[in-house]
Amino acid sequence: MRTLSSFGVSTVLVVLVGMLGCAGNLSYVYNPETVNATVAGLPAERTPIPPERPQGAVAVTSYGITQLRRDGMVIPALHVRAIVTNDGDDTPWTLDTTEQRVAIAGEGQSRAMYVNSDVGTLPKVTIARHERRVLEFFFPLPDRMRNASSIPRFDMFWQVNTPERTVASRTSFERVAWESMFAYNEPVGWPQWTGYGPYWWYDPSYRSAAFIHVHPSAFYGPVGSPSVGLAGTSTPGGTRR
């Protein structure tokens, strides 16, 4: 397991394509079951941490289907962003990215193949008082599910360790028509900044907890510092956030 800087020498090319730049995804966006926040203009679910005595929060949103390009291979992936904020707990919180899962009905659960963040200690993350950490998770999709039209809903299972206890919860997402996004006050520009921080981490053991119909052989090969870029968009005006 290693943490990779996106500004290092590249032996592996990872290209992330915004959701609206992929054929089959132009009409959909994923809404959390409970929308009580926005993240970069997208609907999000914000959960107080811990719920009984809030000292901060976790906000979860999804960019939908993106593409990972590596060594000439194109790997469709589900992209989920989690923002963890410790507002007032003097004892730092911790999070292990390998313990975060996505579940799709009929396909089981998967952990992320790649994680991007603004902290270079991946897969372990510490959130001290007044700190805010942004984590981008990329989950390779089952072979039979390559675009949003084949995934009506999914669940993100996440957990954060606090001094009092481990707070574990689920954020459920449902596919909705793109037109409904115009009901939100904050404008959405595409492509959004896909990959918030400079640090990337590849999980060589993710295949042990992948979806049922993922072909692990597609992901073998040398792994080095990734070169990261954005490609493909149907709507201009994306912003880096």
Protein backbone atom coordinates (compact mmCIF):
# COMPACT_ATOMS: atom_id res chain seq x y z
CA MET A 1 0.00 0.00 0.00
CA ARG A 2 1.38 3.39 -0.92
CA THR A 3 0.42 7.02 -1.12
CA LEU A 4 1.09 8.63 -4.48
CA SER A 5 1.48 12.31 -5.26
CA SER A 6 -0.36 13.36 -8.39
CA PHE A 7 2.60 15.60 -9.25
CA GLY A 8 5.17 12.79 -9.29
CA VAL A 9 6.77 10.99 -12.25
CA SER A 10 4.11 8.90 -13.96
CA THR A 11 4.23 5.20 -14.70
CA VAL A 12 0.46 4.86 -14.65
CA LEU A 13 -2.02 7.19 -16.33
CA VAL A 14 -5.27 7.79 -14.50
CA VAL A 15 -7.75 10.02 -16.33
CA LEU A 16 -10.98 10.97 -14.64
CA VAL A 17 -13.94 11.87 -16.78
CA GLY A 18 -16.79 13.96 -15.37
CA MET A 19 -20.17 12.29 -15.06
CA LEU A 20 -21.85 14.37 -17.74
CA GLY A 21 -19.08 13.60 -20.22
CA CYS A 22 -19.90 9.90 -20.35
CA ALA A 23 -22.40 8.42 -22.77
CA GLY A 24 -25.34 6.97 -20.90
CA ASN A 25 -24.98 9.34 -17.94
CA LEU A 26 -26.24 12.56 -19.52
CA SER A 27 -29.75 12.39 -18.07
CA TYR A 28 -29.06 11.40 -14.48
CA VAL A 29 -27.62 12.58 -11.20
CA TYR A 30 -27.52 10.82 -7.82
CA ASN A 31 -29.47 12.33 -4.93
CA PRO A 32 -28.90 11.29 -1.31
CA GLU A 33 -32.05 9.93 0.32
CA THR A 34 -31.88 12.84 2.77
CA VAL A 35 -30.71 16.07 1.13
CA ASN A 36 -29.78 18.63 3.79
CA ALA A 37 -26.61 20.19 2.34
CA THR A 38 -24.76 20.93 -0.90
CA VAL A 39 -21.15 20.14 -1.80
CA ALA A 40 -19.68 21.95 -4.82
CA GLY A 41 -23.22 22.54 -6.02
CA LEU A 42 -24.28 18.90 -5.71
CA PRO A 43 -26.93 17.58 -3.30
CA ALA A 44 -25.37 16.07 -0.18
CA GLU A 45 -26.33 14.44 3.09
CA ARG A 46 -24.73 15.90 6.22
CA THR A 47 -24.61 13.74 9.37
CA PRO A 48 -23.61 15.21 12.77
CA ILE A 49 -20.70 13.41 14.50
CA PRO A 50 -21.46 11.97 16.97
CA PRO A 51 -25.24 12.35 16.61
CA GLU A 52 -25.88 12.48 20.36
CA ARG A 53 -23.29 15.24 20.98
CA PRO A 54 -22.23 16.79 17.68
CA GLN A 55 -18.64 17.97 17.45
CA GLY A 56 -18.52 18.05 13.66
CA ALA A 57 -20.04 16.29 10.68
CA VAL A 58 -19.64 14.07 7.64
CA ALA A 59 -21.07 15.29 4.34
CA VAL A 60 -21.40 12.77 1.49
CA THR A 61 -22.19 13.40 -2.18
CA SER A 62 -21.68 11.57 -5.47
CA TYR A 63 -20.42 12.67 -8.88
CA GLY A 64 -21.93 9.52 -10.37
CA ILE A 65 -20.04 7.48 -12.97
CA THR A 66 -16.50 8.50 -13.91
CA GLN A 67 -13.78 6.71 -15.85
CA LEU A 68 -10.34 5.65 -14.70
CA ARG A 69 -7.80 5.24 -17.50
CA ARG A 70 -4.74 3.18 -16.73
CA ASP A 71 -2.21 1.75 -19.17
CA GLY A 72 -4.68 2.08 -22.03
CA MET A 73 -7.53 0.49 -20.09
CA VAL A 74 -10.78 2.32 -19.35
CA ILE A 75 -12.34 1.41 -16.00
CA PRO A 76 -15.82 2.79 -15.22
CA ALA A 77 -16.02 3.73 -11.55
CA LEU A 78 -18.51 5.14 -9.09
CA HIS A 79 -17.23 8.39 -7.59
CA VAL A 80 -18.21 9.38 -4.04
CA ARG A 81 -16.89 12.36 -2.08
CA ALA A 82 -16.90 12.51 1.74
CA ILE A 83 -15.98 15.63 3.71
CA VAL A 84 -15.16 15.11 7.39
CA THR A 85 -15.08 18.18 9.64
CA ASN A 86 -14.02 18.19 13.29
CA ASP A 87 -15.34 21.47 14.69
CA GLY A 88 -14.81 21.06 18.41
CA ASP A 89 -13.40 17.72 19.58
CA ASP A 90 -9.98 18.17 21.22
CA THR A 91 -9.13 14.52 20.59
CA PRO A 92 -8.49 13.86 16.87
CA TRP A 93 -10.81 11.60 14.93
CA THR A 94 -9.51 8.86 12.66
CA LEU A 95 -10.72 7.22 9.48
CA ASP A 96 -9.47 4.22 7.50
CA THR A 97 -10.37 4.44 3.80
CA THR A 98 -10.31 0.64 3.47
CA GLU A 99 -13.26 0.43 5.86
CA GLN A 100 -15.53 2.53 3.65
CA ARG A 101 -17.80 0.55 1.29
CA VAL A 102 -20.30 0.99 -1.51
CA ALA A 103 -23.14 -1.52 -1.95
CA ILE A 104 -25.17 -2.20 -5.10
CA ALA A 105 -28.15 -4.56 -5.02
CA GLY A 106 -27.26 -7.93 -6.51
CA GLU A 107 -23.53 -7.13 -6.59
CA GLY A 108 -22.60 -7.00 -2.92
CA GLN A 109 -20.12 -4.47 -1.58
CA SER A 110 -16.83 -3.01 -2.76
CA ARG A 111 -14.12 -0.87 -1.30
CA ALA A 112 -12.38 1.77 -3.37
CA MET A 113 -9.63 1.02 -5.87
CA TYR A 114 -8.31 4.59 -5.73
CA VAL A 115 -8.70 7.29 -3.06
CA ASN A 116 -7.79 10.93 -3.50
CA SER A 117 -7.33 13.39 -0.64
CA ASP A 118 -5.73 16.56 0.65
CA VAL A 119 -3.72 14.55 3.19
CA GLY A 120 -0.74 12.31 2.42
CA THR A 121 -1.24 9.65 5.10
CA LEU A 122 -3.71 7.49 3.15
CA PRO A 123 -5.26 5.05 3.82
CA LYS A 124 -5.21 6.35 7.40
CA VAL A 125 -6.64 9.83 7.97
CA THR A 126 -6.57 11.94 11.14
CA ILE A 127 -8.97 14.85 11.61
CA ALA A 128 -7.82 17.15 14.42
CA ARG A 129 -9.90 19.91 15.98
CA HIS A 130 -10.85 22.60 13.43
CA GLU A 131 -9.63 20.41 10.56
CA ARG A 132 -11.56 19.51 7.42
CA ARG A 133 -10.57 16.53 5.29
CA VAL A 134 -11.86 15.80 1.78
CA LEU A 135 -11.82 12.21 0.50
CA GLU A 136 -12.65 11.08 -3.03
CA PHE A 137 -13.47 7.38 -3.46
CA PHE A 138 -13.47 5.54 -6.80
CA PHE A 139 -15.19 2.13 -6.88
CA PRO A 140 -14.74 0.03 -10.07
CA LEU A 141 -18.14 -1.01 -11.38
CA PRO A 142 -19.45 -4.50 -12.18
CA ASP A 143 -19.11 -5.56 -15.82
CA ARG A 144 -22.85 -5.45 -16.39
CA MET A 145 -23.21 -1.96 -14.91
CA ARG A 146 -21.23 0.57 -16.95
CA ASN A 147 -23.38 3.71 -16.76
CA ALA A 148 -25.95 5.45 -14.59
CA SER A 149 -28.89 3.97 -16.50
CA SER A 150 -28.01 0.54 -15.07
CA ILE A 151 -27.61 1.72 -11.46
CA PRO A 152 -30.86 3.12 -10.05
CA ARG A 153 -29.50 3.35 -6.50
CA PHE A 154 -26.55 2.50 -4.29
CA ASP A 155 -25.48 2.84 -0.65
CA MET A 156 -22.30 4.32 0.79
CA PHE A 157 -21.36 2.73 4.13
CA TRP A 158 -18.94 4.92 6.05
CA GLN A 159 -17.44 5.10 9.53
CA VAL A 160 -15.42 7.58 11.56
CA ASN A 161 -13.65 6.82 14.84
CA THR A 162 -14.23 9.37 17.61
CA PRO A 163 -13.01 9.27 21.25
CA GLU A 164 -16.48 8.26 22.40
CA ARG A 165 -17.13 5.54 19.83
CA THR A 166 -17.00 4.59 16.18
CA VAL A 167 -19.78 6.36 14.31
CA ALA A 168 -20.98 4.19 11.42
CA SER A 169 -23.79 5.10 9.05
CA ARG A 170 -25.14 4.68 5.53
CA THR A 171 -25.86 7.32 2.89
CA SER A 172 -28.30 6.01 0.27
CA PHE A 173 -28.31 7.50 -3.22
CA GLU A 174 -31.07 7.36 -5.81
CA ARG A 175 -30.78 8.15 -9.51
CA VAL A 176 -32.96 11.09 -10.53
CA ALA A 177 -33.49 13.04 -13.74
CA TRP A 178 -30.89 15.74 -14.40
CA GLU A 179 -33.60 18.38 -14.85
CA SER A 180 -34.50 18.15 -11.16
CA MET A 181 -31.07 19.55 -10.27
CA PHE A 182 -32.23 22.98 -11.36
CA ALA A 183 -34.34 23.10 -8.21
CA TYR A 184 -31.13 23.72 -6.22
CA ASN A 185 -30.08 27.28 -5.56
CA GLU A 186 -26.35 26.72 -6.07
CA PRO A 187 -25.40 26.41 -9.77
CA VAL A 188 -23.62 23.28 -10.94
CA GLY A 189 -20.75 23.56 -13.45
CA TRP A 190 -19.33 20.55 -15.27
CA PRO A 191 -16.90 18.99 -15.08
CA GLN A 192 -16.47 19.52 -11.37
CA TRP A 193 -12.93 19.26 -10.00
CA THR A 194 -12.51 15.50 -9.95
CA GLY A 195 -9.73 14.82 -7.49
CA TYR A 196 -9.72 17.41 -4.73
CA GLY A 197 -6.23 16.92 -3.36
CA PRO A 198 -2.70 16.20 -4.58
CA TYR A 199 -2.46 12.76 -2.97
CA TRP A 200 -3.62 9.49 -4.53
CA TRP A 201 -3.65 6.06 -2.96
CA TYR A 202 -4.07 2.77 -4.79
CA ASP A 203 -5.37 -0.18 -2.77
CA PRO A 204 -3.69 -3.33 -4.09
CA SER A 205 -5.97 -5.47 -1.90
CA TYR A 206 -9.29 -3.98 -2.97
CA ARG A 207 -9.99 -7.06 -5.12
CA SER A 208 -10.58 -9.02 -1.91
CA ALA A 209 -13.65 -6.83 -1.30
CA ALA A 210 -14.91 -6.01 -4.79
CA PHE A 211 -18.29 -6.36 -6.50
CA ILE A 212 -19.28 -9.86 -7.59
CA HIS A 213 -18.97 -9.31 -11.34
CA VAL A 214 -15.79 -7.22 -11.43
CA HIS A 215 -12.92 -8.81 -13.36
CA PRO A 216 -9.85 -8.36 -11.15
CA SER A 217 -7.52 -9.39 -13.98
CA ALA A 218 -8.26 -6.02 -15.65
CA PHE A 219 -6.43 -4.22 -12.87
CA TYR A 220 -3.19 -6.14 -12.63
CA GLY A 221 0.03 -4.41 -13.59
CA PRO A 222 2.66 -2.05 -12.17
CA VAL A 223 1.46 0.85 -10.08
CA GLY A 224 3.42 4.08 -9.76
CA SER A 225 2.76 7.75 -9.19
CA PRO A 226 -0.36 8.57 -11.25
CA SER A 227 -0.66 11.38 -13.72
CA VAL A 228 -4.13 12.79 -13.25
CA GLY A 229 -6.23 14.81 -15.66
CA LEU A 230 -9.76 15.72 -16.60
CA ALA A 231 -11.23 14.82 -19.97
CA GLY A 232 -14.58 15.06 -21.70
CA THR A 233 -17.43 17.37 -20.80
CA SER A 234 -20.76 18.36 -22.26
CA THR A 235 -21.19 21.57 -20.25
CA PRO A 236 -18.46 24.20 -19.78
CA GLY A 237 -17.71 26.11 -16.63
CA GLY A 238 -16.39 23.52 -14.18
CA THR A 239 -14.51 24.93 -11.22
CA ARG A 240 -11.78 23.62 -9.01
CA ARG A 241 -12.93 23.42 -5.40
